[in-house]
């Protein structure tokens, strides 16, 4: 595991444009959530200056918000998601985002130093939605090891 980290993508479909009053509390909390992530044990990298045009092109929906990050391991990501100040805002997601029918979060392993792209994220989410949790793309429900990921034969 010394040469790999865990990549994570999660997407959300906002209920209104970012400058709409509905989204104000979310917008007001973005910097706080990012600061908590940046200070979290096991945090490696996150997409900071999102290229909206590229994200819209890849995901084909300009109402989608994308979070893309890299963590030392699954425990570090879990602790940030559910055991830090992030949870206070996370619990309020229904105020700002619609419920998605498809999986909206996916994890996979990346070599140290690699920064995942929007294409990587879309590909892993699509794979997860097509094949369910596998070592290639998974969720907190099924935690796969690096060894399982490295030996997994991806569906074509």
C-alpha atoms as a PDB file:
ATOM      1  CA  UNK A   1       0.000   0.000   0.000  1.00  0.00           C
ATOM      2  CA  UNK A   2       3.029   2.282   0.316  1.00  0.00           C
ATOM      3  CA  UNK A   3       2.896   3.121  -3.388  1.00  0.00           C
ATOM      4  CA  UNK A   4      -0.865   3.674  -3.668  1.00  0.00           C
ATOM      5  CA  UNK A   5      -3.520   5.910  -2.202  1.00  0.00           C
ATOM      6  CA  UNK A   6      -7.299   5.883  -2.312  1.00  0.00           C
ATOM      7  CA  UNK A   7      -9.064   8.173  -4.785  1.00  0.00           C
ATOM      8  CA  UNK A   8     -12.618   9.289  -4.179  1.00  0.00           C
ATOM      9  CA  UNK A   9     -15.270  11.002  -6.252  1.00  0.00           C
ATOM     10  CA  UNK A  10     -18.680  12.106  -5.152  1.00  0.00           C
ATOM     11  CA  UNK A  11     -21.164  14.062  -7.154  1.00  0.00           C
ATOM     12  CA  UNK A  12     -24.354  15.830  -6.215  1.00  0.00           C
ATOM     13  CA  UNK A  13     -27.116  17.391  -8.293  1.00  0.00           C
ATOM     14  CA  UNK A  14     -27.880  20.801  -6.873  1.00  0.00           C
ATOM     15  CA  UNK A  15     -31.467  22.012  -6.478  1.00  0.00           C
ATOM     16  CA  UNK A  16     -30.690  25.503  -7.782  1.00  0.00           C
ATOM     17  CA  UNK A  17     -27.870  27.582  -9.279  1.00  0.00           C
ATOM     18  CA  UNK A  18     -25.018  28.286  -6.864  1.00  0.00           C
ATOM     19  CA  UNK A  19     -26.020  31.950  -6.548  1.00  0.00           C
ATOM     20  CA  UNK A  20     -29.624  31.087  -5.630  1.00  0.00           C
ATOM     21  CA  UNK A  21     -30.618  31.730  -1.973  1.00  0.00           C
ATOM     22  CA  UNK A  22     -31.420  27.991  -1.615  1.00  0.00           C
ATOM     23  CA  UNK A  23     -27.713  27.225  -2.018  1.00  0.00           C
ATOM     24  CA  UNK A  24     -26.408  30.021   0.240  1.00  0.00           C
ATOM     25  CA  UNK A  25     -25.764  27.916   3.366  1.00  0.00           C
ATOM     26  CA  UNK A  26     -23.990  25.280   1.298  1.00  0.00           C
ATOM     27  CA  UNK A  27     -21.800  27.901  -0.391  1.00  0.00           C
ATOM     28  CA  UNK A  28     -21.068  29.456   3.005  1.00  0.00           C
ATOM     29  CA  UNK A  29     -19.828  26.078   4.302  1.00  0.00           C
ATOM     30  CA  UNK A  30     -17.615  25.006   1.378  1.00  0.00           C
ATOM     31  CA  UNK A  31     -14.455  26.659   2.716  1.00  0.00           C
ATOM     32  CA  UNK A  32     -15.093  25.165   6.178  1.00  0.00           C
ATOM     33  CA  UNK A  33     -15.513  21.625   4.760  1.00  0.00           C
ATOM     34  CA  UNK A  34     -12.400  22.014   2.614  1.00  0.00           C
ATOM     35  CA  UNK A  35     -10.382  23.257   5.610  1.00  0.00           C
ATOM     36  CA  UNK A  36     -11.519  20.244   7.651  1.00  0.00           C
ATOM     37  CA  UNK A  37     -10.485  17.932   4.813  1.00  0.00           C
ATOM     38  CA  UNK A  38      -7.126  19.663   4.350  1.00  0.00           C
ATOM     39  CA  UNK A  39      -6.370  19.272   8.081  1.00  0.00           C
ATOM     40  CA  UNK A  40      -7.619  15.676   8.321  1.00  0.00           C
ATOM     41  CA  UNK A  41      -5.185  12.884   9.069  1.00  0.00           C
ATOM     42  CA  UNK A  42      -4.597  10.911   5.884  1.00  0.00           C
ATOM     43  CA  UNK A  43      -5.684  13.671   3.497  1.00  0.00           C
ATOM     44  CA  UNK A  44      -3.422  13.842   0.413  1.00  0.00           C
ATOM     45  CA  UNK A  45      -5.011  15.975  -2.318  1.00  0.00           C
ATOM     46  CA  UNK A  46      -8.278  17.466  -3.547  1.00  0.00           C
ATOM     47  CA  UNK A  47      -9.393  19.194  -6.676  1.00  0.00           C
ATOM     48  CA  UNK A  48      -9.313  22.878  -5.823  1.00  0.00           C
ATOM     49  CA  UNK A  49      -9.890  25.021  -8.875  1.00  0.00           C
ATOM     50  CA  UNK A  50     -12.483  22.962 -10.646  1.00  0.00           C
ATOM     51  CA  UNK A  51     -12.602  23.501 -14.388  1.00  0.00           C
ATOM     52  CA  UNK A  52     -16.381  23.869 -14.774  1.00  0.00           C
ATOM     53  CA  UNK A  53     -16.328  23.594 -18.551  1.00  0.00           C
ATOM     54  CA  UNK A  54     -14.459  20.298 -18.436  1.00  0.00           C
ATOM     55  CA  UNK A  55     -16.670  18.935 -15.643  1.00  0.00           C
ATOM     56  CA  UNK A  56     -19.818  19.926 -17.538  1.00  0.00           C
ATOM     57  CA  UNK A  57     -18.459  18.339 -20.702  1.00  0.00           C
ATOM     58  CA  UNK A  58     -17.493  15.077 -18.984  1.00  0.00           C
ATOM     59  CA  UNK A  59     -20.621  14.719 -16.832  1.00  0.00           C
ATOM     60  CA  UNK A  60     -22.970  16.362 -19.376  1.00  0.00           C
ATOM     61  CA  UNK A  61     -24.880  18.204 -16.636  1.00  0.00           C
ATOM     62  CA  UNK A  62     -24.043  21.688 -15.386  1.00  0.00           C
ATOM     63  CA  UNK A  63     -26.089  21.171 -12.199  1.00  0.00           C
ATOM     64  CA  UNK A  64     -23.654  18.521 -10.951  1.00  0.00           C
ATOM     65  CA  UNK A  65     -21.141  19.440  -8.251  1.00  0.00           C
ATOM     66  CA  UNK A  66     -18.053  17.240  -8.211  1.00  0.00           C
ATOM     67  CA  UNK A  67     -15.689  16.503  -5.349  1.00  0.00           C
ATOM     68  CA  UNK A  68     -12.522  14.621  -6.247  1.00  0.00           C
ATOM     69  CA  UNK A  69      -9.872  13.800  -3.641  1.00  0.00           C
ATOM     70  CA  UNK A  70      -7.103  11.403  -2.642  1.00  0.00           C
ATOM     71  CA  UNK A  71      -6.606   9.900   0.812  1.00  0.00           C
ATOM     72  CA  UNK A  72      -3.969   7.756   2.463  1.00  0.00           C
ATOM     73  CA  UNK A  73      -6.528   4.984   2.982  1.00  0.00           C
ATOM     74  CA  UNK A  74     -10.222   4.210   3.368  1.00  0.00           C
ATOM     75  CA  UNK A  75     -10.172   4.743   7.145  1.00  0.00           C
ATOM     76  CA  UNK A  76      -8.897   8.307   6.695  1.00  0.00           C
ATOM     77  CA  UNK A  77     -11.677   9.079   4.213  1.00  0.00           C
ATOM     78  CA  UNK A  78     -14.306   7.460   6.457  1.00  0.00           C
ATOM     79  CA  UNK A  79     -13.136   9.468   9.463  1.00  0.00           C
ATOM     80  CA  UNK A  80     -13.350  12.720   7.520  1.00  0.00           C
ATOM     81  CA  UNK A  81     -16.760  11.885   6.059  1.00  0.00           C
ATOM     82  CA  UNK A  82     -18.489  10.635   9.196  1.00  0.00           C
ATOM     83  CA  UNK A  83     -16.377  11.526  12.251  1.00  0.00           C
ATOM     84  CA  UNK A  84     -15.338  15.145  11.668  1.00  0.00           C
ATOM     85  CA  UNK A  85     -17.088  18.507  11.477  1.00  0.00           C
ATOM     86  CA  UNK A  86     -17.942  17.594   7.869  1.00  0.00           C
ATOM     87  CA  UNK A  87     -20.841  15.488   9.157  1.00  0.00           C
ATOM     88  CA  UNK A  88     -22.762  18.584  10.316  1.00  0.00           C
ATOM     89  CA  UNK A  89     -23.008  19.881   6.753  1.00  0.00           C
ATOM     90  CA  UNK A  90     -23.311  16.397   5.221  1.00  0.00           C
ATOM     91  CA  UNK A  91     -26.482  15.727   7.245  1.00  0.00           C
ATOM     92  CA  UNK A  92     -28.102  18.758   5.590  1.00  0.00           C
ATOM     93  CA  UNK A  93     -27.519  17.622   1.983  1.00  0.00           C
ATOM     94  CA  UNK A  94     -31.273  17.307   1.247  1.00  0.00           C
ATOM     95  CA  UNK A  95     -31.567  21.081   1.641  1.00  0.00           C
ATOM     96  CA  UNK A  96     -29.337  21.666  -1.384  1.00  0.00           C
ATOM     97  CA  UNK A  97     -29.200  18.495  -3.477  1.00  0.00           C
ATOM     98  CA  UNK A  98     -31.694  16.112  -5.027  1.00  0.00           C
ATOM     99  CA  UNK A  99     -31.592  12.378  -4.346  1.00  0.00           C
ATOM    100  CA  UNK A 100     -29.686  10.599  -7.084  1.00  0.00           C
ATOM    101  CA  UNK A 101     -30.943   7.273  -8.418  1.00  0.00           C
ATOM    102  CA  UNK A 102     -27.469   6.060  -9.349  1.00  0.00           C
ATOM    103  CA  UNK A 103     -24.418   5.649  -7.147  1.00  0.00           C
ATOM    104  CA  UNK A 104     -22.899   9.063  -6.624  1.00  0.00           C
ATOM    105  CA  UNK A 105     -19.703   8.090  -4.793  1.00  0.00           C
ATOM    106  CA  UNK A 106     -16.893   5.784  -5.904  1.00  0.00           C
ATOM    107  CA  UNK A 107     -13.457   4.819  -4.582  1.00  0.00           C
ATOM    108  CA  UNK A 108     -10.438   3.300  -6.325  1.00  0.00           C
ATOM    109  CA  UNK A 109      -6.693   3.039  -5.825  1.00  0.00           C
ATOM    110  CA  UNK A 110      -4.229   5.335  -7.577  1.00  0.00           C
ATOM    111  CA  UNK A 111      -0.423   5.379  -7.621  1.00  0.00           C
ATOM    112  CA  UNK A 112       1.193   7.894  -5.282  1.00  0.00           C
ATOM    113  CA  UNK A 113       1.464  11.278  -6.967  1.00  0.00           C
ATOM    114  CA  UNK A 114      -1.403  10.664  -9.396  1.00  0.00           C
ATOM    115  CA  UNK A 115      -4.178  13.271  -9.461  1.00  0.00           C
ATOM    116  CA  UNK A 116      -7.435  11.754 -10.730  1.00  0.00           C
ATOM    117  CA  UNK A 117      -9.222  13.491 -13.597  1.00  0.00           C
ATOM    118  CA  UNK A 118     -12.904  14.107 -14.318  1.00  0.00           C
ATOM    119  CA  UNK A 119     -12.673  11.339 -16.929  1.00  0.00           C
ATOM    120  CA  UNK A 120     -11.283   8.932 -14.302  1.00  0.00           C
ATOM    121  CA  UNK A 121     -14.095   9.870 -11.923  1.00  0.00           C
ATOM    122  CA  UNK A 122     -16.842   9.468 -14.520  1.00  0.00           C
ATOM    123  CA  UNK A 123     -15.412   6.148 -15.671  1.00  0.00           C
ATOM    124  CA  UNK A 124     -15.311   4.744 -12.115  1.00  0.00           C
ATOM    125  CA  UNK A 125     -18.834   5.946 -11.313  1.00  0.00           C
ATOM    126  CA  UNK A 126     -20.143   4.459 -14.559  1.00  0.00           C
ATOM    127  CA  UNK A 127     -18.373   1.177 -13.810  1.00  0.00           C
ATOM    128  CA  UNK A 128     -19.788   1.071 -10.287  1.00  0.00           C
ATOM    129  CA  UNK A 129     -23.291   1.763 -11.581  1.00  0.00           C
ATOM    130  CA  UNK A 130     -22.961  -0.956 -14.222  1.00  0.00           C
ATOM    131  CA  UNK A 131     -21.275  -3.747 -12.233  1.00  0.00           C
ATOM    132  CA  UNK A 132     -21.865  -2.835  -8.588  1.00  0.00           C
ATOM    133  CA  UNK A 133     -19.100  -2.780  -5.990  1.00  0.00           C
ATOM    134  CA  UNK A 134     -15.926  -4.379  -7.331  1.00  0.00           C
ATOM    135  CA  UNK A 135     -12.249  -3.890  -6.512  1.00  0.00           C
ATOM    136  CA  UNK A 136     -12.127  -1.567  -9.551  1.00  0.00           C
ATOM    137  CA  UNK A 137     -14.746   0.867  -8.206  1.00  0.00           C
ATOM    138  CA  UNK A 138     -16.394   0.532  -4.812  1.00  0.00           C
ATOM    139  CA  UNK A 139     -18.147   2.258  -1.938  1.00  0.00           C
ATOM    140  CA  UNK A 140     -18.027   2.179   1.858  1.00  0.00           C
ATOM    141  CA  UNK A 141     -20.412  -0.803   1.686  1.00  0.00           C
ATOM    142  CA  UNK A 142     -17.756  -3.140   0.237  1.00  0.00           C
ATOM    143  CA  UNK A 143     -14.215  -2.326   1.192  1.00  0.00           C
ATOM    144  CA  UNK A 144     -11.700  -3.854  -1.183  1.00  0.00           C
ATOM    145  CA  UNK A 145      -7.974  -4.099  -0.540  1.00  0.00           C
ATOM    146  CA  UNK A 146      -5.245  -2.873  -2.818  1.00  0.00           C
ATOM    147  CA  UNK A 147      -4.268  -6.511  -3.457  1.00  0.00           C
ATOM    148  CA  UNK A 148      -7.805  -7.244  -4.637  1.00  0.00           C
ATOM    149  CA  UNK A 149      -7.780  -4.160  -6.866  1.00  0.00           C
ATOM    150  CA  UNK A 150      -4.435  -5.055  -8.442  1.00  0.00           C
ATOM    151  CA  UNK A 151      -5.554  -8.580  -9.318  1.00  0.00           C
ATOM    152  CA  UNK A 152      -9.118  -7.745 -10.393  1.00  0.00           C
ATOM    153  CA  UNK A 153      -9.957  -8.514 -14.013  1.00  0.00           C
ATOM    154  CA  UNK A 154     -12.071  -5.587 -15.164  1.00  0.00           C
ATOM    155  CA  UNK A 155     -15.241  -6.252 -17.193  1.00  0.00           C
ATOM    156  CA  UNK A 156     -15.059  -4.985 -20.758  1.00  0.00           C
END
